PDB file of N, CA and C in Angstrom:
ATOM      1  N   UNK A   1     109.370 140.879  71.381  1.00  0.00           N
ATOM      2  CA  UNK A   1     110.816 140.351  71.699  1.00  0.00           C
ATOM      3  C   UNK A   1     110.611 139.689  72.840  1.00  0.00           C
ATOM      4  N   UNK A   2     109.538 139.747  73.938  1.00  0.00           N
ATOM      5  CA  UNK A   2     109.429 139.281  75.022  1.00  0.00           C
ATOM      6  C   UNK A   2     108.984 137.737  74.650  1.00  0.00           C
ATOM      7  N   UNK A   3     108.182 137.578  73.769  1.00  0.00           N
ATOM      8  CA  UNK A   3     107.758 136.276  73.542  1.00  0.00           C
ATOM      9  C   UNK A   3     108.853 135.369  73.181  1.00  0.00           C
ATOM     10  N   UNK A   4     109.857 135.811  72.456  1.00  0.00           N
ATOM     11  CA  UNK A   4     111.032 135.056  71.918  1.00  0.00           C
ATOM     12  C   UNK A   4     112.117 134.682  73.342  1.00  0.00           C
ATOM     13  N   UNK A   5     112.115 135.819  74.198  1.00  0.00           N
ATOM     14  CA  UNK A   5     112.893 135.439  75.479  1.00  0.00           C
ATOM     15  C   UNK A   5     112.255 134.330  76.209  1.00  0.00           C
ATOM     16  N   UNK A   6     110.792 134.667  76.253  1.00  0.00           N
ATOM     17  CA  UNK A   6     110.099 133.702  77.118  1.00  0.00           C
ATOM     18  C   UNK A   6     110.275 132.296  76.355  1.00  0.00           C
ATOM     19  N   UNK A   7     110.305 132.128  75.244  1.00  0.00           N
ATOM     20  CA  UNK A   7     110.145 130.805  74.672  1.00  0.00           C
ATOM     21  C   UNK A   7     111.543 130.401  74.858  1.00  0.00           C
ATOM     22  N   UNK A   8     112.499 131.017  74.691  1.00  0.00           N
ATOM     23  CA  UNK A   8     114.080 130.525  74.918  1.00  0.00           C
ATOM     24  C   UNK A   8     114.334 129.794  76.302  1.00  0.00           C
ATOM     25  N   UNK A   9     113.791 130.766  77.201  1.00  0.00           N
ATOM     26  CA  UNK A   9     113.848 130.259  78.465  1.00  0.00           C
ATOM     27  C   UNK A   9     112.918 129.004  78.758  1.00  0.00           C
ATOM     28  N   UNK A  10     111.781 128.707  78.247  1.00  0.00           N
ATOM     29  CA  UNK A  10     111.027 127.559  78.462  1.00  0.00           C
ATOM     30  C   UNK A  10     111.898 126.264  77.660  1.00  0.00           C
ATOM     31  N   UNK A  11     112.554 126.682  76.385  1.00  0.00           N
ATOM     32  CA  UNK A  11     113.376 125.656  75.749  1.00  0.00           C
ATOM     33  C   UNK A  11     114.350 125.113  76.620  1.00  0.00           C
ATOM     34  N   UNK A  12     115.269 126.217  77.226  1.00  0.00           N
ATOM     35  CA  UNK A  12     116.219 125.892  78.206  1.00  0.00           C
ATOM     36  C   UNK A  12     116.106 125.009  79.374  1.00  0.00           C
ATOM     37  N   UNK A  13     114.965 125.363  79.921  1.00  0.00           N
ATOM     38  CA  UNK A  13     114.428 124.370  81.156  1.00  0.00           C
ATOM     39  C   UNK A  13     113.895 123.044  80.657  1.00  0.00           C
ATOM     40  N   UNK A  14     113.248 122.997  79.351  1.00  0.00           N
ATOM     41  CA  UNK A  14     113.086 121.553  79.115  1.00  0.00           C
ATOM     42  C   UNK A  14     114.069 120.852  78.509  1.00  0.00           C
ATOM     43  N   UNK A  15     115.347 121.410  78.075  1.00  0.00           N
ATOM     44  CA  UNK A  15     116.502 120.804  77.584  1.00  0.00           C
ATOM     45  C   UNK A  15     117.145 120.217  78.862  1.00  0.00           C
ATOM     46  N   UNK A  16     117.330 121.279  79.927  1.00  0.00           N
ATOM     47  CA  UNK A  16     117.977 120.532  81.059  1.00  0.00           C
ATOM     48  C   UNK A  16     117.356 119.548  81.535  1.00  0.00           C
ATOM     49  N   UNK A  17     116.093 119.666  81.826  1.00  0.00           N
ATOM     50  CA  UNK A  17     115.353 118.406  82.214  1.00  0.00           C
ATOM     51  C   UNK A  17     115.445 116.967  81.186  1.00  0.00           C
ATOM     52  N   UNK A  18     115.473 117.183  80.078  1.00  0.00           N
ATOM     53  CA  UNK A  18     115.910 116.045  79.169  1.00  0.00           C
ATOM     54  C   UNK A  18     117.047 115.369  79.307  1.00  0.00           C
ATOM     55  N   UNK A  19     118.335 116.383  79.446  1.00  0.00           N
ATOM     56  CA  UNK A  19     119.558 116.069  79.324  1.00  0.00           C
ATOM     57  C   UNK A  19     120.209 115.662  80.849  1.00  0.00           C
ATOM     58  N   UNK A  20     119.344 115.896  81.862  1.00  0.00           N
ATOM     59  CA  UNK A  20     119.799 115.983  83.206  1.00  0.00           C
ATOM     60  C   UNK A  20     120.299 114.349  83.619  1.00  0.00           C
ATOM     61  N   UNK A  21     119.429 113.359  83.199  1.00  0.00           N
ATOM     62  CA  UNK A  21     119.986 112.023  83.271  1.00  0.00           C
ATOM     63  C   UNK A  21     121.053 111.566  82.825  1.00  0.00           C
ATOM     64  N   UNK A  22     121.314 112.086  81.496  1.00  0.00           N
ATOM     65  CA  UNK A  22     122.778 111.805  80.878  1.00  0.00           C
ATOM     66  C   UNK A  22     123.747 112.436  81.317  1.00  0.00           C
ATOM     67  N   UNK A  23     123.584 113.572  81.897  1.00  0.00           N
ATOM     68  CA  UNK A  23     124.703 114.183  82.643  1.00  0.00           C
ATOM     69  C   UNK A  23     124.947 113.416  83.944  1.00  0.00           C
ATOM     70  N   UNK A  24     124.183 113.129  84.352  1.00  0.00           N
ATOM     71  CA  UNK A  24     124.303 112.119  85.744  1.00  0.00           C
ATOM     72  C   UNK A  24     125.054 111.093  85.585  1.00  0.00           C
ATOM     73  N   UNK A  25     124.603 110.187  84.566  1.00  0.00           N
ATOM     74  CA  UNK A  25     125.399 109.128  84.279  1.00  0.00           C
ATOM     75  C   UNK A  25     126.725 109.509  83.833  1.00  0.00           C
ATOM     76  N   UNK A  26     127.130 110.171  83.097  1.00  0.00           N
ATOM     77  CA  UNK A  26     128.374 110.460  82.645  1.00  0.00           C
ATOM     78  C   UNK A  26     129.115 111.034  83.769  1.00  0.00           C
ATOM     79  N   UNK A  27     128.632 111.765  84.846  1.00  0.00           N
ATOM     80  CA  UNK A  27     129.169 112.032  86.091  1.00  0.00           C
ATOM     81  C   UNK A  27     129.651 110.817  86.951  1.00  0.00           C
ATOM     82  N   UNK A  28     128.553 109.831  86.975  1.00  0.00           N
ATOM     83  CA  UNK A  28     128.922 108.906  87.851  1.00  0.00           C
ATOM     84  C   UNK A  28     130.136 107.908  87.222  1.00  0.00           C
ATOM     85  N   UNK A  29     129.859 107.784  85.692  1.00  0.00           N
ATOM     86  CA  UNK A  29     130.941 106.828  85.169  1.00  0.00           C
ATOM     87  C   UNK A  29     132.277 107.342  85.080  1.00  0.00           C
ATOM     88  N   UNK A  30     132.307 108.585  85.177  1.00  0.00           N
ATOM     89  CA  UNK A  30     133.882 109.227  85.163  1.00  0.00           C
ATOM     90  C   UNK A  30     134.167 109.069  86.756  1.00  0.00           C
ATOM     91  N   UNK A  31     133.674 108.742  87.708  1.00  0.00           N
ATOM     92  CA  UNK A  31     134.314 108.504  89.246  1.00  0.00           C
ATOM     93  C   UNK A  31     134.609 107.249  89.267  1.00  0.00           C
ATOM     94  N   UNK A  32     135.486 106.912  90.137  1.00  0.00           N
ATOM     95  CA  UNK A  32     136.013 105.625  90.634  1.00  0.00           C
ATOM     96  C   UNK A  32     136.421 104.783  89.654  1.00  0.00           C
ATOM     97  N   UNK A  33     137.300 105.402  88.648  1.00  0.00           N
ATOM     98  CA  UNK A  33     138.116 104.997  87.585  1.00  0.00           C
ATOM     99  C   UNK A  33     137.271 104.333  86.513  1.00  0.00           C
ATOM    100  N   UNK A  34     135.931 104.797  86.238  1.00  0.00           N
ATOM    101  CA  UNK A  34     135.251 104.345  85.176  1.00  0.00           C
ATOM    102  C   UNK A  34     134.024 103.255  85.798  1.00  0.00           C
ATOM    103  N   UNK A  35     133.913 103.068  87.040  1.00  0.00           N
ATOM    104  CA  UNK A  35     132.642 102.174  87.498  1.00  0.00           C
ATOM    105  C   UNK A  35     131.656 103.127  88.069  1.00  0.00           C
ATOM    106  N   UNK A  36     130.462 103.181  87.083  1.00  0.00           N
ATOM    107  CA  UNK A  36     129.644 104.100  87.518  1.00  0.00           C
ATOM    108  C   UNK A  36     128.937 103.630  88.822  1.00  0.00           C
ATOM    109  N   UNK A  37     128.711 102.349  89.024  1.00  0.00           N
ATOM    110  CA  UNK A  37     128.156 102.176  90.210  1.00  0.00           C
ATOM    111  C   UNK A  37     128.998 101.654  91.539  1.00  0.00           C
ATOM    112  N   UNK A  38     130.351 101.836  91.442  1.00  0.00           N
ATOM    113  CA  UNK A  38     131.082 101.506  92.427  1.00  0.00           C
ATOM    114  C   UNK A  38     131.491  99.728  92.230  1.00  0.00           C
ATOM    115  N   UNK A  39     132.066  98.928  93.147  1.00  0.00           N
ATOM    116  CA  UNK A  39     132.205  97.879  92.970  1.00  0.00           C
ATOM    117  C   UNK A  39     131.170  96.833  93.147  1.00  0.00           C
ATOM    118  N   UNK A  40     131.115  96.245  91.868  1.00  0.00           N
ATOM    119  CA  UNK A  40     129.992  95.323  91.792  1.00  0.00           C
ATOM    120  C   UNK A  40     130.609  93.779  91.542  1.00  0.00           C
ATOM    121  N   UNK A  41     129.809  92.750  91.954  1.00  0.00           N
ATOM    122  CA  UNK A  41     130.242  91.545  91.432  1.00  0.00           C
ATOM    123  C   UNK A  41     130.136  91.122  90.276  1.00  0.00           C
ATOM    124  N   UNK A  42     130.827  90.177  89.626  1.00  0.00           N
ATOM    125  CA  UNK A  42     130.655  89.770  88.319  1.00  0.00           C
ATOM    126  C   UNK A  42     129.086  88.760  88.340  1.00  0.00           C
ATOM    127  N   UNK A  43     128.531  88.655  87.350  1.00  0.00           N
ATOM    128  CA  UNK A  43     127.483  88.130  87.344  1.00  0.00           C
ATOM    129  C   UNK A  43     127.419  86.445  87.621  1.00  0.00           C
ATOM    130  N   UNK A  44     127.031  86.064  88.635  1.00  0.00           N
ATOM    131  CA  UNK A  44     126.886  84.486  88.927  1.00  0.00           C
ATOM    132  C   UNK A  44     128.123  84.142  89.956  1.00  0.00           C
ATOM    133  N   UNK A  45     128.609  85.227  90.827  1.00  0.00           N
ATOM    134  CA  UNK A  45     129.761  84.886  91.843  1.00  0.00           C
ATOM    135  C   UNK A  45     128.843  84.582  93.156  1.00  0.00           C
ATOM    136  N   UNK A  46     127.495  85.547  93.278  1.00  0.00           N
ATOM    137  CA  UNK A  46     127.060  85.489  94.524  1.00  0.00           C
ATOM    138  C   UNK A  46     126.018  84.006  94.491  1.00  0.00           C
ATOM    139  N   UNK A  47     125.908  83.522  95.706  1.00  0.00           N
ATOM    140  CA  UNK A  47     124.984  82.476  95.724  1.00  0.00           C
ATOM    141  C   UNK A  47     123.562  82.487  95.619  1.00  0.00           C
ATOM    142  N   UNK A  48     122.987  81.683  95.143  1.00  0.00           N
ATOM    143  CA  UNK A  48     121.395  82.185  94.817  1.00  0.00           C
ATOM    144  C   UNK A  48     120.822  80.649  94.822  1.00  0.00           C
ATOM    145  N   UNK A  49     119.563  80.754  95.335  1.00  0.00           N
ATOM    146  CA  UNK A  49     118.647  79.553  95.485  1.00  0.00           C
ATOM    147  C   UNK A  49     118.386  79.083  94.030  1.00  0.00           C
ATOM    148  N   UNK A  50     117.947  80.136  93.235  1.00  0.00           N
ATOM    149  CA  UNK A  50     117.536  79.667  91.799  1.00  0.00           C
ATOM    150  C   UNK A  50     118.530  79.041  91.223  1.00  0.00           C
ATOM    151  N   UNK A  51     119.885  79.476  91.366  1.00  0.00           N
ATOM    152  CA  UNK A  51     121.064  78.991  90.501  1.00  0.00           C
ATOM    153  C   UNK A  51     121.276  77.410  91.096  1.00  0.00           C
ATOM    154  N   UNK A  52     121.110  77.439  92.454  1.00  0.00           N
ATOM    155  CA  UNK A  52     121.314  76.068  93.317  1.00  0.00           C
ATOM    156  C   UNK A  52     120.297  74.988  92.738  1.00  0.00           C
ATOM    157  N   UNK A  53     119.125  75.274  92.559  1.00  0.00           N
ATOM    158  CA  UNK A  53     117.989  74.476  91.960  1.00  0.00           C
ATOM    159  C   UNK A  53     118.129  74.127  90.786  1.00  0.00           C
ATOM    160  N   UNK A  54     118.590  74.977  89.832  1.00  0.00           N
ATOM    161  CA  UNK A  54     118.995  74.596  88.673  1.00  0.00           C
ATOM    162  C   UNK A  54     120.089  73.932  88.360  1.00  0.00           C
ATOM    163  N   UNK A  55     121.065  74.054  88.948  1.00  0.00           N
ATOM    164  CA  UNK A  55     122.371  72.978  89.256  1.00  0.00           C
ATOM    165  C   UNK A  55     121.756  71.622  89.585  1.00  0.00           C
ATOM    166  N   UNK A  56     121.158  71.507  90.755  1.00  0.00           N
ATOM    167  CA  UNK A  56     120.604  70.283  91.150  1.00  0.00           C
ATOM    168  C   UNK A  56     119.570  69.654  90.124  1.00  0.00           C
ATOM    169  N   UNK A  57     118.868  70.387  89.461  1.00  0.00           N
ATOM    170  CA  UNK A  57     118.020  69.667  88.596  1.00  0.00           C
ATOM    171  C   UNK A  57     118.838  69.187  87.096  1.00  0.00           C
ATOM    172  N   UNK A  58     119.790  70.205  86.773  1.00  0.00           N
ATOM    173  CA  UNK A  58     120.867  69.738  85.661  1.00  0.00           C
ATOM    174  C   UNK A  58     121.568  68.413  86.065  1.00  0.00           C
ATOM    175  N   UNK A  59     122.092  68.338  87.161  1.00  0.00           N
ATOM    176  CA  UNK A  59     122.863  67.095  87.718  1.00  0.00           C
ATOM    177  C   UNK A  59     121.876  65.849  87.843  1.00  0.00           C
ATOM    178  N   UNK A  60     120.657  65.983  88.146  1.00  0.00           N
ATOM    179  CA  UNK A  60     119.732  64.903  88.162  1.00  0.00           C
ATOM    180  C   UNK A  60     119.383  64.446  86.846  1.00  0.00           C
ATOM    181  N   UNK A  61     119.280  65.417  85.827  1.00  0.00           N
ATOM    182  CA  UNK A  61     118.912  64.775  84.585  1.00  0.00           C
ATOM    183  C   UNK A  61     120.339  64.334  83.959  1.00  0.00           C
ATOM    184  N   UNK A  62     121.280  64.702  84.271  1.00  0.00           N
ATOM    185  CA  UNK A  62     122.431  63.883  83.539  1.00  0.00           C
ATOM    186  C   UNK A  62     122.659  62.617  83.943  1.00  0.00           C
ATOM    187  N   UNK A  63     122.402  62.624  85.721  1.00  0.00           N
ATOM    188  CA  UNK A  63     122.530  60.996  85.905  1.00  0.00           C
ATOM    189  C   UNK A  63     121.545  60.117  85.590  1.00  0.00           C
ATOM    190  N   UNK A  64     120.249  60.570  85.277  1.00  0.00           N
ATOM    191  CA  UNK A  64     119.441  59.855  84.680  1.00  0.00           C
ATOM    192  C   UNK A  64     119.732  59.540  83.225  1.00  0.00           C
ATOM    193  N   UNK A  65     120.157  60.368  82.334  1.00  0.00           N
ATOM    194  CA  UNK A  65     120.361  60.139  81.152  1.00  0.00           C
ATOM    195  C   UNK A  65     121.686  59.167  80.979  1.00  0.00           C
ATOM    196  N   UNK A  66     122.828  59.334  81.853  1.00  0.00           N
ATOM    197  CA  UNK A  66     123.872  58.560  81.786  1.00  0.00           C
ATOM    198  C   UNK A  66     123.458  57.142  82.564  1.00  0.00           C
ATOM    199  N   UNK A  67     122.541  56.773  83.253  1.00  0.00           N
ATOM    200  CA  UNK A  67     122.422  55.497  83.468  1.00  0.00           C
ATOM    201  C   UNK A  67     121.900  54.514  82.323  1.00  0.00           C
ATOM    202  N   UNK A  68     121.243  55.278  81.376  1.00  0.00           N
ATOM    203  CA  UNK A  68     120.620  54.508  80.299  1.00  0.00           C
ATOM    204  C   UNK A  68     121.552  53.725  79.350  1.00  0.00           C
TER     205      UNK A  68
END
């Protein structure tokens, strides 16, 4: 009977470790009106060097194609 109890305890430890990230995410998601990571900006609202370079390249290509 001791082997069964030992196996049960080991299985509970493994299950707790396996489902802890899920429980943490559910806990965070239910906080702050369903926003798991607090206030975040929508994608694309913050200035970015890569976005600026891409916009510059697009405008350059459009201007070159428009002149033909």
